[in-house]
Structures are given as structure tokens and as C-alpha cells.
């Protein structure tokens, strides 16, 4: 199947591309070839005529460019050449505009400044990347960095500085999300598969696998469209919107809800820290409750289960996550909320901590602060609900 003679269009299959081993050139048609080097490496080559001259244009290795994408690239380059353009010159021009990772970090930092009213957080965001990521791949273009590169950067601090390492991972992911949105790279975010190559962290925060906060809006949209019972879906969304624990949400009763004041008061006996917790309810959270009321009638529980007088099972959320093939925990959405608040908002740390019903660690500070920051937390939860609903 060498390069002689005429070949039909789309002669190769994905199975052949993976299984062919013999060095040589294999035609797919319309000038596209799979080239297998004596070393065994495989790459794509387009042979076409550019401005009256025959040119060979490399389209990348098969590990980065699958067959379908190679055909798309070949078609685009042939069309450009047919119209009198020079694909090689255009590609050189495009590559010249792709930023390095260090340049992308600066760009993302600059664009987020408006939402970071806290100068300390803005400085921490870029300093951690300058310290732990840029020395490893800062000078490389963002389209050339892959999961193994990120893994090598995180591995040295993953167990010794677990909290810092998780924040660095989150921030690296943010930079690559920006790069993809800006058209500087294609394919998945290199951060996606990095967890598979890292050991399990032993500190408390990592016990609950969490979804990166940037993925929460997509998850919420998928949840709303999922093939699950509507009460379960409403309860899960309510958990995300309120950032409370599974048991606290599943045990919610209608007599705890004040819809007129948009407040849910969870009694001390149902809170982990055995203290009354008031939850400001966003408009979306109130809409969820309104729908639940229509579905559940005169039930005592906001989210009743199939057994009369009982709430939903504490396995309801786990089963939903499994059927959606999302490898996180329901509790992990509290971490997603906390990271979102720290990374993208200017709300003080204590406001976010109080939204999670955490006890203030500093006893002196706790003694002087007798309120529960309800008004400030209301703004925070309204902003969180708006973020979560962005894809809905």
C-alpha cells in the first residue's frame, strides 16, 4: 500500500492506522498519507501543490492528530492552496501568535484582575504558578504542553504540599481552559488525566473527590437533563446551590424554610458542629423548592424518599453520579464552591467559611464576631447560583 498509483478517497481506517507497523507511506487519498518511520513513529503528511510548486506539509503525529482531524486539516490546507494561499506561511504565522505558558499566565492574570478585589489573592495566584509550574514548562507554547508535563510539575509537591499542589493544579487548568477558548490549543485540557498519575493524598480535604469549579455549570446542566427522578435531581441541585452537606440537605423539612425571607434555618441537632445555621436562599434555590413542593405535596420532608415519612436515601446522590459517569462525591461540591469563591470572587475568606458552616479557627476572632454575616453571605450565594446556572 505504498505511494504509487491512484488511491480511493478515505482509504485508511482508524484500525489500520493503529495496527500498521511496516515502515513506509500509506495513502488515504487526496494527497494525505500516513508515514511510518523506521523507528515506528507515525505521522501525517499532506502532498499538494502550493503556488505551482509541489509541497509536503506535515500535519502532526497520530498520538495528537487522529485520522478524522488529519482529513479535516488536509482539506483546509488544500482549499487554501487552491485559492492561491500558502498553507505553510499561514501556519508559521499562526504559530508565531501562540503564547508560551508563561505568557498565557500573565494574560489570564491580567484578565481576572477586575474580579480579584483582594490584591493578596491575585498575588498568590500568579506566584504559585511562577514557583511550581513555569520552571517546568513556562517557555513552551500552550499547544505543546501535555498531561505528562503537568504531572512532572505537580509530583514533587503533591504529597509534601498537598493544599498548594491542588491549587496549582486548579490554576494550571484555568490557564489551559483560557488557551482553548482563545483558539491557541485543541483537544482536552492537560489537567484532565493528571490525577491518574498521582498518588492518593492523605490530608482531610482530599478525602472527597471534587469537580473543578469551572466544570460545575456543565455538570448542573447535565444533571437537569439526566434520566433520574426529578426529586433526586432537585435535591442534588439544592445541595450544590447551598454548599451544605448531604445529610443536611436530605433531612431538610418544610418547617425550616422561610420562603418570604428566603432563609433556610437548619437546627443545631442536624448540623455537624451542632450550631444553628441560617442559609440565605438564592432565587434559583427558591425555584427549586417551589418545584419540589409541587411534586411532594404535604410531605414533611422537602425531598422525600419512596418510603412514606422518610427522606431520600443517602445513596441517591452517589447513584446519580455513577449513572452520569462523574467520578466525584456529592460532598466534593463544597470544595468546588470554596475554590470558586477563592479564585473568582472578592468575598472575604470568613464569608465563604461561614457559608460552609465552618467554625472560625481563631478563638479571639470568633469571640468578637457574634453575627453570622447573613447579608454578605446572601450576595455570595446569589453569585454562586448565577455561576452554576451559566450553562443551564
Protein backbone atom coordinates (compact mmCIF):
# COMPACT_ATOMS: atom_id res chain seq x y z
CA UNK A 1 0.00 0.00 0.00
CA UNK A 2 2.84 2.37 -0.90
CA UNK A 3 2.68 5.74 -2.59
CA UNK A 4 2.42 4.57 -6.23
CA UNK A 5 -0.64 4.84 -8.43
CA UNK A 6 -4.08 6.27 -7.67
CA UNK A 7 -5.87 5.66 -4.40
CA UNK A 8 -9.54 5.96 -3.49
CA UNK A 9 -10.69 8.66 -1.11
CA UNK A 10 -10.58 7.76 2.62
CA UNK A 11 -8.73 4.51 2.01
CA UNK A 12 -7.47 4.18 5.60
CA UNK A 13 -9.42 3.27 8.71
CA UNK A 14 -8.66 4.10 12.33
CA UNK A 15 -7.95 0.42 13.00
CA UNK A 16 -5.41 0.32 10.17
CA UNK A 17 -3.73 3.49 11.39
CA UNK A 18 -3.19 1.86 14.79
CA UNK A 19 -2.22 -1.60 13.54
CA UNK A 20 0.10 -0.84 10.59
CA UNK A 21 3.75 -1.41 11.60
CA UNK A 22 5.83 -1.69 8.43
CA UNK A 23 7.81 1.50 7.64
CA UNK A 24 6.57 3.29 4.55
CA UNK A 25 3.98 5.72 3.24
CA UNK A 26 0.29 4.75 3.17
CA UNK A 27 -2.16 6.77 1.08
CA UNK A 28 -5.54 7.80 2.41
CA UNK A 29 -6.45 9.73 -0.73
CA UNK A 30 -6.45 13.37 -1.89
CA UNK A 31 -2.78 13.76 -1.05
CA UNK A 32 -2.99 12.63 2.58
CA UNK A 33 -0.50 9.97 3.70
CA UNK A 34 0.26 8.07 6.87
CA UNK A 35 4.05 7.90 7.19
CA UNK A 36 5.60 5.20 9.38
CA UNK A 37 9.25 5.84 10.19
CA UNK A 38 11.81 3.04 10.71
CA UNK A 39 11.68 3.92 14.43
CA UNK A 40 7.98 3.02 14.44
CA UNK A 41 6.72 6.57 14.92
CA UNK A 42 3.70 7.55 12.82
CA UNK A 43 2.85 10.94 11.37
CA UNK A 44 0.60 12.55 8.79
CA UNK A 45 1.82 14.11 5.56
CA UNK A 46 -0.10 16.14 3.00
CA UNK A 47 1.33 16.30 -0.52
CA UNK A 48 -0.26 19.12 -2.51
CA UNK A 49 0.53 21.92 -4.97
CA UNK A 50 1.13 25.36 -3.48
CA UNK A 51 1.50 28.26 -5.89
CA UNK A 52 2.56 25.94 -8.76
CA UNK A 53 5.06 24.02 -6.61
CA UNK A 54 4.59 20.58 -5.10
CA UNK A 55 4.96 20.77 -1.32
CA UNK A 56 4.94 18.25 1.51
CA UNK A 57 3.21 19.54 4.64
CA UNK A 58 3.46 17.71 7.97
CA UNK A 59 0.17 17.52 9.89
CA UNK A 60 1.44 16.02 13.17
CA UNK A 61 1.79 12.61 14.78
CA UNK A 62 -1.13 10.24 15.22
CA UNK A 63 -0.96 10.48 19.01
CA UNK A 64 -2.06 14.12 18.76
CA UNK A 65 -3.91 14.13 15.43
CA UNK A 66 -6.42 11.30 14.83
CA UNK A 67 -7.43 10.25 11.32
CA UNK A 68 -10.59 12.39 11.17
CA UNK A 69 -8.70 15.51 12.25
CA UNK A 70 -5.90 14.80 9.76
CA UNK A 71 -8.50 14.69 6.98
CA UNK A 72 -10.01 17.98 8.16
CA UNK A 73 -6.61 19.66 8.23
CA UNK A 74 -5.72 18.28 4.80
CA UNK A 75 -9.00 19.53 3.34
CA UNK A 76 -8.49 23.01 4.82
CA UNK A 77 -4.90 23.24 3.52
CA UNK A 78 -5.86 22.01 0.04
CA UNK A 79 -8.64 24.58 -0.15
CA UNK A 80 -6.26 27.35 0.95
CA UNK A 81 -3.71 26.28 -1.67
CA UNK A 82 -6.38 26.04 -4.37
CA UNK A 83 -7.38 29.63 -3.59
CA UNK A 84 -3.80 30.77 -4.14
CA UNK A 85 -2.72 30.89 -0.49
CA UNK A 86 0.31 29.33 1.16
CA UNK A 87 -0.64 26.87 3.97
CA UNK A 88 2.94 26.74 5.28
CA UNK A 89 3.17 30.51 5.57
CA UNK A 90 -0.23 30.69 7.25
CA UNK A 91 0.74 28.02 9.74
CA UNK A 92 4.02 29.75 10.57
CA UNK A 93 2.07 32.96 11.12
CA UNK A 94 -0.46 31.20 13.37
CA UNK A 95 2.26 29.52 15.43
CA UNK A 96 4.00 32.83 15.92
CA UNK A 97 0.90 34.14 17.71
CA UNK A 98 0.51 31.18 20.10
CA UNK A 99 1.70 32.27 23.56
CA UNK A 100 4.01 30.37 25.84
CA UNK A 101 2.57 29.10 29.09
CA UNK A 102 4.27 31.95 30.96
CA UNK A 103 2.73 34.48 28.58
CA UNK A 104 -0.68 32.83 28.95
CA UNK A 105 -0.38 33.03 32.75
CA UNK A 106 0.27 36.77 32.51
CA UNK A 107 -2.69 37.20 30.17
CA UNK A 108 -5.11 35.24 32.36
CA UNK A 109 -3.89 37.07 35.46
CA UNK A 110 -4.45 40.41 33.78
CA UNK A 111 -7.94 39.49 32.57
CA UNK A 112 -9.00 38.27 36.02
CA UNK A 113 -7.75 41.31 37.92
CA UNK A 114 -11.12 43.01 37.77
CA UNK A 115 -12.75 40.14 39.68
CA UNK A 116 -9.94 39.89 42.22
CA UNK A 117 -10.52 42.82 44.54
CA UNK A 118 -8.22 41.14 47.06
CA UNK A 119 -4.62 42.01 45.99
CA UNK A 120 -3.23 39.26 48.22
CA UNK A 121 -5.16 36.58 46.37
CA UNK A 122 -4.18 37.99 42.97
CA UNK A 123 -0.53 37.85 44.02
CA UNK A 124 -0.86 34.30 45.36
CA UNK A 125 -2.49 33.13 42.14
CA UNK A 126 0.39 34.14 39.91
CA UNK A 127 3.15 33.47 42.46
CA UNK A 128 2.22 29.81 42.84
CA UNK A 129 2.34 29.31 39.07
CA UNK A 130 5.65 31.18 38.83
CA UNK A 131 7.07 28.93 41.53
CA UNK A 132 5.69 25.49 40.69
CA UNK A 133 4.63 25.44 37.01
CA UNK A 134 6.58 27.95 34.94
CA UNK A 135 10.04 26.48 35.79
CA UNK A 136 8.86 23.21 34.23
CA UNK A 137 7.15 24.38 31.01
CA UNK A 138 6.84 28.16 31.10
CA UNK A 139 8.86 28.72 27.91
CA UNK A 140 6.86 26.22 25.85
CA UNK A 141 3.84 27.15 23.75
CA UNK A 142 0.50 26.27 25.31
CA UNK A 143 -0.36 23.97 22.39
CA UNK A 144 2.75 21.84 23.03
CA UNK A 145 2.18 21.02 26.70
CA UNK A 146 0.57 17.69 27.59
CA UNK A 147 -0.51 15.79 30.70
CA UNK A 148 2.93 14.23 31.43
CA UNK A 149 4.43 17.75 31.58
CA UNK A 150 1.89 18.83 34.18
CA UNK A 151 2.40 15.59 36.10
CA UNK A 152 6.15 16.23 36.36
CA UNK A 153 5.46 19.70 37.75
CA UNK A 154 2.96 18.55 40.39
CA UNK A 155 4.60 15.30 41.51
CA UNK A 156 7.32 16.89 43.72
CA UNK A 157 4.78 18.81 45.83
CA UNK A 158 1.73 16.55 45.62
CA UNK A 159 2.33 14.85 48.97
CA UNK A 160 4.62 17.36 50.67
CA UNK A 161 2.41 20.40 49.98
CA UNK A 162 -1.00 18.89 49.18
CA UNK A 163 -3.14 22.02 49.53
CA UNK A 164 -0.72 24.12 47.46
CA UNK A 165 -0.49 21.35 44.86
CA UNK A 166 -4.27 21.23 44.45
CA UNK A 167 -4.43 24.97 44.00
CA UNK A 168 -1.62 24.86 41.43
CA UNK A 169 -3.47 22.11 39.57
CA UNK A 170 -6.65 24.20 39.56
CA UNK A 171 -4.80 27.28 38.30
CA UNK A 172 -2.95 25.40 35.58
CA UNK A 173 -6.34 24.10 34.42
CA UNK A 174 -7.70 27.63 34.33
CA UNK A 175 -4.83 28.76 32.07
CA UNK A 176 -5.39 25.90 29.64
CA UNK A 177 -9.15 26.49 29.59
CA UNK A 178 -8.38 30.07 28.57
CA UNK A 179 -5.93 28.87 25.90
CA UNK A 180 -8.52 26.54 24.39
CA UNK A 181 -11.24 29.19 24.45
CA UNK A 182 -8.84 31.65 22.78
CA UNK A 183 -8.12 29.16 19.99
CA UNK A 184 -4.49 28.54 20.99
CA UNK A 185 -4.88 24.78 21.50
CA UNK A 186 -7.33 21.97 20.77
CA UNK A 187 -8.15 18.70 22.47
CA UNK A 188 -8.62 18.07 26.16
CA UNK A 189 -7.16 20.13 28.97
CA UNK A 190 -3.80 18.54 30.03
CA UNK A 191 -5.02 18.70 33.61
CA UNK A 192 -7.78 16.16 32.87
CA UNK A 193 -5.77 12.96 33.21
CA UNK A 194 -3.16 14.09 35.69
CA UNK A 195 -4.91 12.63 38.76
CA UNK A 196 -4.41 9.10 37.42
CA UNK A 197 -0.64 9.51 37.65
CA UNK A 198 -0.54 10.99 41.16
CA UNK A 199 -0.68 9.10 44.47
CA UNK A 200 -3.62 9.50 46.84
CA UNK A 201 -3.21 12.43 49.17
CA UNK A 202 -3.77 11.69 52.84
CA UNK A 203 -4.85 15.08 54.16
CA UNK A 204 -8.51 15.58 55.08
CA UNK A 205 -9.52 17.84 52.18
CA UNK A 206 -8.67 15.26 49.53
CA UNK A 207 -10.94 12.60 51.07
CA UNK A 208 -13.83 13.91 48.99
CA UNK A 209 -13.14 13.98 45.26
CA UNK A 210 -14.28 17.33 43.91
CA UNK A 211 -15.18 18.62 40.48
CA UNK A 212 -13.08 21.62 39.33
CA UNK A 213 -15.32 24.63 39.81
CA UNK A 214 -15.09 25.58 36.12
CA UNK A 215 -16.91 22.33 35.29
CA UNK A 216 -19.80 22.83 37.75
CA UNK A 217 -22.11 24.78 35.34
CA UNK A 218 -21.81 21.99 32.76
CA UNK A 219 -22.48 19.39 35.45
CA UNK A 220 -25.60 21.22 36.63
CA UNK A 221 -26.93 21.39 33.06
CA UNK A 222 -26.26 17.65 32.64
CA UNK A 223 -27.91 16.93 35.98
CA UNK A 224 -31.06 18.79 34.99
CA UNK A 225 -31.25 16.76 31.76
CA UNK A 226 -30.29 13.41 33.34
CA UNK A 227 -32.59 10.40 33.28
CA UNK A 228 -33.18 10.37 37.04
CA UNK A 229 -36.11 11.02 39.35
CA UNK A 230 -36.95 14.72 39.47
CA UNK A 231 -36.95 14.91 43.26
CA UNK A 232 -33.42 13.48 43.34
CA UNK A 233 -32.24 15.95 40.73
CA UNK A 234 -33.81 18.86 42.59
CA UNK A 235 -32.22 17.74 45.86
CA UNK A 236 -28.80 17.43 44.24
CA UNK A 237 -29.03 20.88 42.68
CA UNK A 238 -30.19 22.30 46.02
CA UNK A 239 -27.13 20.73 47.66
CA UNK A 240 -24.85 22.42 45.12
CA UNK A 241 -26.61 25.78 45.40
CA UNK A 242 -26.48 25.84 49.21
CA UNK A 243 -22.99 24.26 49.60
CA UNK A 244 -24.19 22.19 52.54
CA UNK A 245 -23.58 18.55 53.42
CA UNK A 246 -25.61 15.63 52.08
CA UNK A 247 -27.26 14.78 55.40
CA UNK A 248 -28.24 18.39 56.00
CA UNK A 249 -29.94 18.67 52.60
CA UNK A 250 -31.66 15.27 52.67
CA UNK A 251 -33.02 15.98 56.14
CA UNK A 252 -34.46 19.38 55.19
CA UNK A 253 -38.05 19.92 56.38
CA UNK A 254 -40.59 22.41 55.14
CA UNK A 255 -40.96 23.98 58.59
CA UNK A 256 -37.28 25.05 58.34
CA UNK A 257 -37.91 27.05 55.15
CA UNK A 258 -38.98 30.70 55.22
CA UNK A 259 -39.68 31.44 51.57
CA UNK A 260 -40.81 35.00 52.25
CA UNK A 261 -37.45 35.88 53.83
CA UNK A 262 -35.54 33.48 51.56
CA UNK A 263 -33.88 31.75 54.51
CA UNK A 264 -33.44 28.09 55.41
CA UNK A 265 -32.72 27.62 59.12
CA UNK A 266 -31.07 24.28 59.85
CA UNK A 267 -31.45 23.31 63.52
CA UNK A 268 -28.35 22.61 65.60
CA UNK A 269 -29.17 18.92 66.01
CA UNK A 270 -28.80 18.37 62.26
CA UNK A 271 -25.57 20.33 61.84
CA UNK A 272 -22.16 18.71 62.12
CA UNK A 273 -20.94 21.39 64.55
CA UNK A 274 -24.25 21.33 66.50
CA UNK A 275 -24.91 25.02 65.90
CA UNK A 276 -27.95 26.58 64.21
CA UNK A 277 -27.09 27.54 60.64
CA UNK A 278 -29.06 30.05 58.55
CA UNK A 279 -28.76 29.59 54.79
CA UNK A 280 -29.65 32.53 52.51
CA UNK A 281 -31.56 31.17 49.52
CA UNK A 282 -30.87 32.46 46.02
CA UNK A 283 -33.72 32.93 43.52
CA UNK A 284 -32.71 29.67 41.83
CA UNK A 285 -32.72 27.80 45.16
CA UNK A 286 -36.23 29.14 45.83
CA UNK A 287 -37.31 27.98 42.36
CA UNK A 288 -36.01 24.50 43.16
CA UNK A 289 -38.02 24.48 46.38
CA UNK A 290 -41.14 25.68 44.60
CA UNK A 291 -40.88 22.84 42.10
CA UNK A 292 -40.22 20.32 44.89
CA UNK A 293 -43.35 21.50 46.70
CA UNK A 294 -45.46 20.83 43.62
CA UNK A 295 -44.04 17.31 43.37
CA UNK A 296 -44.10 16.29 47.03
CA UNK A 297 -47.39 17.73 48.25
CA UNK A 298 -47.87 17.54 52.01
CA UNK A 299 -44.66 15.66 52.81
CA UNK A 300 -42.81 16.76 55.95
CA UNK A 301 -39.51 16.45 54.13
CA UNK A 302 -38.54 18.78 51.31
CA UNK A 303 -37.06 15.85 49.38
CA UNK A 304 -39.00 12.72 50.43
CA UNK A 305 -37.96 9.22 49.51
CA UNK A 306 -40.11 6.34 48.29
CA UNK A 307 -40.90 5.19 51.82
CA UNK A 308 -43.63 7.22 53.48
CA UNK A 309 -42.32 9.60 56.12
CA UNK A 310 -38.71 9.12 55.11
CA UNK A 311 -36.33 11.45 53.19
CA UNK A 312 -34.35 10.43 50.14
CA UNK A 313 -31.72 7.77 50.75
CA UNK A 314 -28.17 8.98 51.38
CA UNK A 315 -27.21 6.82 48.37
CA UNK A 316 -29.35 8.88 45.97
CA UNK A 317 -26.58 11.28 45.03
CA UNK A 318 -23.94 8.55 44.73
CA UNK A 319 -26.14 6.60 42.32
CA UNK A 320 -26.76 9.73 40.26
CA UNK A 321 -23.03 10.40 39.97
CA UNK A 322 -22.37 6.82 38.93
CA UNK A 323 -25.01 6.88 36.21
CA UNK A 324 -23.61 10.18 34.96
CA UNK A 325 -20.08 8.64 34.99
CA UNK A 326 -18.73 11.51 37.09
CA UNK A 327 -16.02 10.33 39.49
CA UNK A 328 -16.52 12.82 42.32
CA UNK A 329 -18.52 12.85 45.55
CA UNK A 330 -21.55 14.95 46.44
CA UNK A 331 -19.59 16.34 49.39
CA UNK A 332 -16.89 17.44 46.96
CA UNK A 333 -19.13 20.20 45.61
CA UNK A 334 -18.42 22.08 48.84
CA UNK A 335 -14.76 22.15 47.76
CA UNK A 336 -15.80 23.29 44.28
CA UNK A 337 -17.74 26.15 45.87
CA UNK A 338 -14.84 27.06 48.14
CA UNK A 339 -12.35 27.12 45.25
CA UNK A 340 -14.74 29.22 43.14
CA UNK A 341 -15.15 31.74 45.95
CA UNK A 342 -11.38 31.99 46.47
CA UNK A 343 -10.39 32.01 42.81
CA UNK A 344 -13.01 34.25 41.22
CA UNK A 345 -14.62 36.48 43.83
CA UNK A 346 -13.57 39.22 46.22
CA UNK A 347 -15.65 38.00 49.18
CA UNK A 348 -13.61 37.79 52.40
CA UNK A 349 -12.39 34.36 53.47
CA UNK A 350 -14.60 34.31 56.57
CA UNK A 351 -17.75 34.83 54.48
CA UNK A 352 -17.05 31.73 52.40
CA UNK A 353 -16.08 29.74 55.50
CA UNK A 354 -19.30 30.72 57.24
CA UNK A 355 -21.31 29.75 54.16
CA UNK A 356 -19.85 26.26 54.62
CA UNK A 357 -20.81 26.35 58.33
CA UNK A 358 -17.16 26.00 59.33
CA UNK A 359 -16.11 27.02 62.82
CA UNK A 360 -13.74 30.01 62.98
CA UNK A 361 -10.35 28.60 63.92
CA UNK A 362 -9.14 31.78 65.62
CA UNK A 363 -10.82 31.87 69.04
CA UNK A 364 -10.21 35.58 69.54
CA UNK A 365 -11.78 36.37 66.17
CA UNK A 366 -14.69 34.06 66.94
CA UNK A 367 -15.31 35.78 70.29
CA UNK A 368 -15.58 39.22 68.73
CA UNK A 369 -17.65 38.19 65.71
CA UNK A 370 -21.07 37.30 67.06
CA UNK A 371 -23.12 37.64 63.84
CA UNK A 372 -23.37 35.15 61.01
CA UNK A 373 -22.68 37.58 58.13
CA UNK A 374 -26.04 36.67 56.59
CA UNK A 375 -26.30 39.70 54.29
CA UNK A 376 -22.80 39.21 52.92
CA UNK A 377 -23.40 35.51 52.50
CA UNK A 378 -26.61 36.23 50.61
CA UNK A 379 -24.67 38.07 47.92
CA UNK A 380 -22.15 35.23 47.76
CA UNK A 381 -24.82 32.56 47.30
CA UNK A 382 -26.69 34.58 44.67
CA UNK A 383 -23.44 34.91 42.70
CA UNK A 384 -22.73 31.18 43.12
CA UNK A 385 -26.19 30.26 41.84
CA UNK A 386 -25.72 32.54 38.81
CA UNK A 387 -22.39 30.85 38.08
CA UNK A 388 -23.85 27.35 38.45
CA UNK A 389 -26.72 28.20 36.09
CA UNK A 390 -24.47 29.60 33.35
CA UNK A 391 -24.89 26.51 31.13
CA UNK A 392 -28.48 25.71 32.09
